[in-house]
Amino acid sequence: MLAKALETLGCPAAKSAEMAAQLEKRANQLVAERGWTRERALVHLLGLMRGGWAAKERGL
């Protein structure tokens, strides 16, 4: 499900499963480090990724 969400944000389909696994790992780290909920951590990370892909599309 997370891989599909990444694809809708612009992640290449061939890398979506790998990136989803990395995102899960980092979300778990944020939960442990900052005491965030898993949902908050994932929303934060997805927002960062969306911004990165948007910048890449604009050629920045």
PDB file of N, CA and C in Angstrom:
ATOM      1  N   MET A   1       0.827  -1.192   0.000  1.00  0.00           N
ATOM      2  CA  MET A   1       0.000   0.000   0.000  1.00  0.00           C
ATOM      3  C   MET A   1       0.876   1.263   0.000  1.00  0.00           C
ATOM      4  N   LEU A   2       1.925   1.256   0.794  1.00  0.00           N
ATOM      5  CA  LEU A   2       2.825   2.406   0.845  1.00  0.00           C
ATOM      6  C   LEU A   2       3.544   2.586  -0.488  1.00  0.00           C
ATOM      7  N   ALA A   3       3.908   1.494  -1.120  1.00  0.00           N
ATOM      8  CA  ALA A   3       4.569   1.571  -2.428  1.00  0.00           C
ATOM      9  C   ALA A   3       3.651   2.240  -3.446  1.00  0.00           C
ATOM     10  N   LYS A   4       2.379   1.928  -3.423  1.00  0.00           N
ATOM     11  CA  LYS A   4       1.421   2.548  -4.348  1.00  0.00           C
ATOM     12  C   LYS A   4       1.295   4.035  -4.062  1.00  0.00           C
ATOM     13  N   ALA A   5       1.285   4.407  -2.775  1.00  0.00           N
ATOM     14  CA  ALA A   5       1.216   5.819  -2.409  1.00  0.00           C
ATOM     15  C   ALA A   5       2.435   6.569  -2.934  1.00  0.00           C
ATOM     16  N   LEU A   6       3.584   5.946  -2.844  1.00  0.00           N
ATOM     17  CA  LEU A   6       4.806   6.567  -3.353  1.00  0.00           C
ATOM     18  C   LEU A   6       4.724   6.778  -4.856  1.00  0.00           C
ATOM     19  N   GLU A   7       4.166   5.804  -5.552  1.00  0.00           N
ATOM     20  CA  GLU A   7       4.024   5.928  -7.000  1.00  0.00           C
ATOM     21  C   GLU A   7       3.123   7.102  -7.370  1.00  0.00           C
ATOM     22  N   THR A   8       2.065   7.318  -6.612  1.00  0.00           N
ATOM     23  CA  THR A   8       1.172   8.443  -6.906  1.00  0.00           C
ATOM     24  C   THR A   8       1.857   9.780  -6.658  1.00  0.00           C
ATOM     25  N   LEU A   9       2.901   9.777  -5.821  1.00  0.00           N
ATOM     26  CA  LEU A   9       3.648  10.999  -5.544  1.00  0.00           C
ATOM     27  C   LEU A   9       4.801  11.208  -6.521  1.00  0.00           C
ATOM     28  N   GLY A  10       5.005  10.260  -7.434  1.00  0.00           N
ATOM     29  CA  GLY A  10       6.028  10.421  -8.450  1.00  0.00           C
ATOM     30  C   GLY A  10       7.190   9.458  -8.369  1.00  0.00           C
ATOM     31  N   CYS A  11       7.165   8.546  -7.441  1.00  0.00           N
ATOM     32  CA  CYS A  11       8.235   7.564  -7.320  1.00  0.00           C
ATOM     33  C   CYS A  11       8.175   6.601  -8.503  1.00  0.00           C
ATOM     34  N   PRO A  12       9.313   6.303  -9.096  1.00  0.00           N
ATOM     35  CA  PRO A  12       9.321   5.315 -10.184  1.00  0.00           C
ATOM     36  C   PRO A  12       8.807   3.960  -9.686  1.00  0.00           C
ATOM     37  N   ALA A  13       7.938   3.340 -10.443  1.00  0.00           N
ATOM     38  CA  ALA A  13       7.326   2.072 -10.036  1.00  0.00           C
ATOM     39  C   ALA A  13       8.364   1.000  -9.730  1.00  0.00           C
ATOM     40  N   ALA A  14       9.458   1.010 -10.480  1.00  0.00           N
ATOM     41  CA  ALA A  14      10.491  -0.006 -10.286  1.00  0.00           C
ATOM     42  C   ALA A  14      11.200   0.127  -8.937  1.00  0.00           C
ATOM     43  N   LYS A  15      11.124   1.296  -8.330  1.00  0.00           N
ATOM     44  CA  LYS A  15      11.812   1.526  -7.058  1.00  0.00           C
ATOM     45  C   LYS A  15      10.860   1.673  -5.886  1.00  0.00           C
ATOM     46  N   SER A  16       9.562   1.633  -6.124  1.00  0.00           N
ATOM     47  CA  SER A  16       8.600   1.943  -5.075  1.00  0.00           C
ATOM     48  C   SER A  16       8.636   0.970  -3.894  1.00  0.00           C
ATOM     49  N   ALA A  17       8.803  -0.320  -4.148  1.00  0.00           N
ATOM     50  CA  ALA A  17       8.836  -1.293  -3.046  1.00  0.00           C
ATOM     51  C   ALA A  17      10.073  -1.082  -2.179  1.00  0.00           C
ATOM     52  N   GLU A  18      11.213  -0.856  -2.820  1.00  0.00           N
ATOM     53  CA  GLU A  18      12.458  -0.608  -2.081  1.00  0.00           C
ATOM     54  C   GLU A  18      12.359   0.682  -1.258  1.00  0.00           C
ATOM     55  N   MET A  19      11.816   1.717  -1.872  1.00  0.00           N
ATOM     56  CA  MET A  19      11.684   2.990  -1.170  1.00  0.00           C
ATOM     57  C   MET A  19      10.670   2.898  -0.036  1.00  0.00           C
ATOM     58  N   ALA A  20       9.621   2.125  -0.222  1.00  0.00           N
ATOM     59  CA  ALA A  20       8.631   1.935   0.835  1.00  0.00           C
ATOM     60  C   ALA A  20       9.274   1.267   2.047  1.00  0.00           C
ATOM     61  N   ALA A  21      10.123   0.285   1.803  1.00  0.00           N
ATOM     62  CA  ALA A  21      10.813  -0.390   2.906  1.00  0.00           C
ATOM     63  C   ALA A  21      11.729   0.582   3.640  1.00  0.00           C
ATOM     64  N   GLN A  22      12.444   1.422   2.899  1.00  0.00           N
ATOM     65  CA  GLN A  22      13.312   2.413   3.515  1.00  0.00           C
ATOM     66  C   GLN A  22      12.507   3.439   4.311  1.00  0.00           C
ATOM     67  N   LEU A  23      11.362   3.814   3.760  1.00  0.00           N
ATOM     68  CA  LEU A  23      10.489   4.773   4.432  1.00  0.00           C
ATOM     69  C   LEU A  23       9.961   4.198   5.745  1.00  0.00           C
ATOM     70  N   GLU A  24       9.577   2.947   5.726  1.00  0.00           N
ATOM     71  CA  GLU A  24       9.107   2.270   6.948  1.00  0.00           C
ATOM     72  C   GLU A  24      10.206   2.258   8.009  1.00  0.00           C
ATOM     73  N   LYS A  25      11.418   1.937   7.577  1.00  0.00           N
ATOM     74  CA  LYS A  25      12.547   1.878   8.510  1.00  0.00           C
ATOM     75  C   LYS A  25      12.787   3.245   9.142  1.00  0.00           C
ATOM     76  N   ARG A  26      12.810   4.283   8.311  1.00  0.00           N
ATOM     77  CA  ARG A  26      13.047   5.634   8.835  1.00  0.00           C
ATOM     78  C   ARG A  26      11.892   6.100   9.713  1.00  0.00           C
ATOM     79  N   ALA A  27      10.671   5.741   9.356  1.00  0.00           N
ATOM     80  CA  ALA A  27       9.518   6.103  10.186  1.00  0.00           C
ATOM     81  C   ALA A  27       9.644   5.471  11.569  1.00  0.00           C
ATOM     82  N   ASN A  28      10.062   4.226  11.612  1.00  0.00           N
ATOM     83  CA  ASN A  28      10.256   3.554  12.902  1.00  0.00           C
ATOM     84  C   ASN A  28      11.346   4.234  13.718  1.00  0.00           C
ATOM     85  N   GLN A  29      12.382   4.727  13.048  1.00  0.00           N
ATOM     86  CA  GLN A  29      13.437   5.455  13.745  1.00  0.00           C
ATOM     87  C   GLN A  29      12.897   6.745  14.344  1.00  0.00           C
ATOM     88  N   LEU A  30      12.076   7.463  13.593  1.00  0.00           N
ATOM     89  CA  LEU A  30      11.494   8.712  14.098  1.00  0.00           C
ATOM     90  C   LEU A  30      10.565   8.448  15.280  1.00  0.00           C
ATOM     91  N   VAL A  31       9.839   7.365  15.226  1.00  0.00           N
ATOM     92  CA  VAL A  31       8.967   6.998  16.350  1.00  0.00           C
ATOM     93  C   VAL A  31       9.816   6.799  17.605  1.00  0.00           C
ATOM     94  N   ALA A  32      10.919   6.075  17.456  1.00  0.00           N
ATOM     95  CA  ALA A  32      11.781   5.798  18.607  1.00  0.00           C
ATOM     96  C   ALA A  32      12.530   7.043  19.083  1.00  0.00           C
ATOM     97  N   GLU A  33      13.037   7.841  18.130  1.00  0.00           N
ATOM     98  CA  GLU A  33      13.854   8.999  18.478  1.00  0.00           C
ATOM     99  C   GLU A  33      13.048  10.181  18.998  1.00  0.00           C
ATOM    100  N   ARG A  34      11.924  10.437  18.369  1.00  0.00           N
ATOM    101  CA  ARG A  34      11.172  11.659  18.671  1.00  0.00           C
ATOM    102  C   ARG A  34       9.848  11.411  19.389  1.00  0.00           C
ATOM    103  N   GLY A  35       9.489  10.150  19.521  1.00  0.00           N
ATOM    104  CA  GLY A  35       8.240   9.832  20.185  1.00  0.00           C
ATOM    105  C   GLY A  35       7.003  10.139  19.356  1.00  0.00           C
ATOM    106  N   TRP A  36       7.197  10.262  18.045  1.00  0.00           N
ATOM    107  CA  TRP A  36       6.083  10.528  17.152  1.00  0.00           C
ATOM    108  C   TRP A  36       5.247   9.268  16.985  1.00  0.00           C
ATOM    109  N   THR A  37       4.018   9.457  16.518  1.00  0.00           N
ATOM    110  CA  THR A  37       3.225   8.306  16.109  1.00  0.00           C
ATOM    111  C   THR A  37       3.748   7.850  14.747  1.00  0.00           C
ATOM    112  N   ARG A  38       3.463   6.623  14.420  1.00  0.00           N
ATOM    113  CA  ARG A  38       3.875   6.100  13.114  1.00  0.00           C
ATOM    114  C   ARG A  38       3.239   6.915  11.994  1.00  0.00           C
ATOM    115  N   GLU A  39       1.978   7.275  12.177  1.00  0.00           N
ATOM    116  CA  GLU A  39       1.268   8.062  11.170  1.00  0.00           C
ATOM    117  C   GLU A  39       1.949   9.411  10.953  1.00  0.00           C
ATOM    118  N   ARG A  40       2.282  10.094  12.041  1.00  0.00           N
ATOM    119  CA  ARG A  40       2.937  11.394  11.911  1.00  0.00           C
ATOM    120  C   ARG A  40       4.281  11.249  11.192  1.00  0.00           C
ATOM    121  N   ALA A  41       5.040  10.243  11.549  1.00  0.00           N
ATOM    122  CA  ALA A  41       6.346  10.024  10.926  1.00  0.00           C
ATOM    123  C   ALA A  41       6.191   9.779   9.429  1.00  0.00           C
ATOM    124  N   LEU A  42       5.235   8.957   9.038  1.00  0.00           N
ATOM    125  CA  LEU A  42       5.032   8.663   7.619  1.00  0.00           C
ATOM    126  C   LEU A  42       4.557   9.899   6.853  1.00  0.00           C
ATOM    127  N   VAL A  43       3.651  10.664   7.444  1.00  0.00           N
ATOM    128  CA  VAL A  43       3.176  11.889   6.787  1.00  0.00           C
ATOM    129  C   VAL A  43       4.342  12.853   6.586  1.00  0.00           C
ATOM    130  N   HIS A  44       5.170  12.993   7.598  1.00  0.00           N
ATOM    131  CA  HIS A  44       6.335  13.864   7.507  1.00  0.00           C
ATOM    132  C   HIS A  44       7.268  13.409   6.380  1.00  0.00           C
ATOM    133  N   LEU A  45       7.596  12.152   6.367  1.00  0.00           N
ATOM    134  CA  LEU A  45       8.523  11.627   5.365  1.00  0.00           C
ATOM    135  C   LEU A  45       7.944  11.689   3.956  1.00  0.00           C
ATOM    136  N   LEU A  46       6.671  11.385   3.814  1.00  0.00           N
ATOM    137  CA  LEU A  46       6.036  11.471   2.494  1.00  0.00           C
ATOM    138  C   LEU A  46       6.034  12.911   1.993  1.00  0.00           C
ATOM    139  N   GLY A  47       5.826  13.848   2.893  1.00  0.00           N
ATOM    140  CA  GLY A  47       5.876  15.258   2.516  1.00  0.00           C
ATOM    141  C   GLY A  47       7.256  15.661   2.019  1.00  0.00           C
ATOM    142  N   LEU A  48       8.294  15.187   2.695  1.00  0.00           N
ATOM    143  CA  LEU A  48       9.656  15.480   2.254  1.00  0.00           C
ATOM    144  C   LEU A  48       9.938  14.871   0.893  1.00  0.00           C
ATOM    145  N   MET A  49       9.488  13.654   0.699  1.00  0.00           N
ATOM    146  CA  MET A  49       9.723  12.977  -0.575  1.00  0.00           C
ATOM    147  C   MET A  49       8.955  13.658  -1.702  1.00  0.00           C
ATOM    148  N   ARG A  50       7.727  14.047  -1.426  1.00  0.00           N
ATOM    149  CA  ARG A  50       6.923  14.732  -2.440  1.00  0.00           C
ATOM    150  C   ARG A  50       7.610  16.027  -2.858  1.00  0.00           C
ATOM    151  N   GLY A  51       8.126  16.761  -1.885  1.00  0.00           N
ATOM    152  CA  GLY A  51       8.830  17.998  -2.189  1.00  0.00           C
ATOM    153  C   GLY A  51      10.078  17.755  -3.018  1.00  0.00           C
ATOM    154  N   GLY A  52      10.789  16.695  -2.722  1.00  0.00           N
ATOM    155  CA  GLY A  52      11.984  16.358  -3.479  1.00  0.00           C
ATOM    156  C   GLY A  52      11.681  16.007  -4.921  1.00  0.00           C
ATOM    157  N   TRP A  53      10.645  15.229  -5.128  1.00  0.00           N
ATOM    158  CA  TRP A  53      10.280  14.861  -6.501  1.00  0.00           C
ATOM    159  C   TRP A  53       9.762  16.072  -7.262  1.00  0.00           C
ATOM    160  N   ALA A  54       9.036  16.965  -6.573  1.00  0.00           N
ATOM    161  CA  ALA A  54       8.532  18.171  -7.246  1.00  0.00           C
ATOM    162  C   ALA A  54       9.701  19.038  -7.705  1.00  0.00           C
ATOM    163  N   ALA A  55      10.715  19.168  -6.860  1.00  0.00           N
ATOM    164  CA  ALA A  55      11.880  19.956  -7.221  1.00  0.00           C
ATOM    165  C   ALA A  55      12.616  19.319  -8.395  1.00  0.00           C
ATOM    166  N   LYS A  56      12.701  18.009  -8.391  1.00  0.00           N
ATOM    167  CA  LYS A  56      13.384  17.299  -9.479  1.00  0.00           C
ATOM    168  C   LYS A  56      12.654  17.529 -10.806  1.00  0.00           C
ATOM    169  N   GLU A  57      11.312  17.519 -10.761  1.00  0.00           N
ATOM    170  CA  GLU A  57      10.526  17.731 -11.973  1.00  0.00           C
ATOM    171  C   GLU A  57      10.709  19.142 -12.515  1.00  0.00           C
ATOM    172  N   ARG A  58      10.936  20.109 -11.613  1.00  0.00           N
ATOM    173  CA  ARG A  58      11.134  21.494 -12.031  1.00  0.00           C
ATOM    174  C   ARG A  58      12.572  21.749 -12.462  1.00  0.00           C
ATOM    175  N   GLY A  59      13.433  20.742 -12.299  1.00  0.00           N
ATOM    176  CA  GLY A  59      14.822  20.883 -12.700  1.00  0.00           C
ATOM    177  C   GLY A  59      15.682  21.595 -11.683  1.00  0.00           C
ATOM    178  N   LEU A  60      15.265  21.592 -10.429  1.00  0.00           N
ATOM    179  CA  LEU A  60      16.052  22.249  -9.373  1.00  0.00           C
ATOM    180  C   LEU A  60      17.079  21.338  -8.770  1.00  0.00           C
TER     181      LEU A  60
END
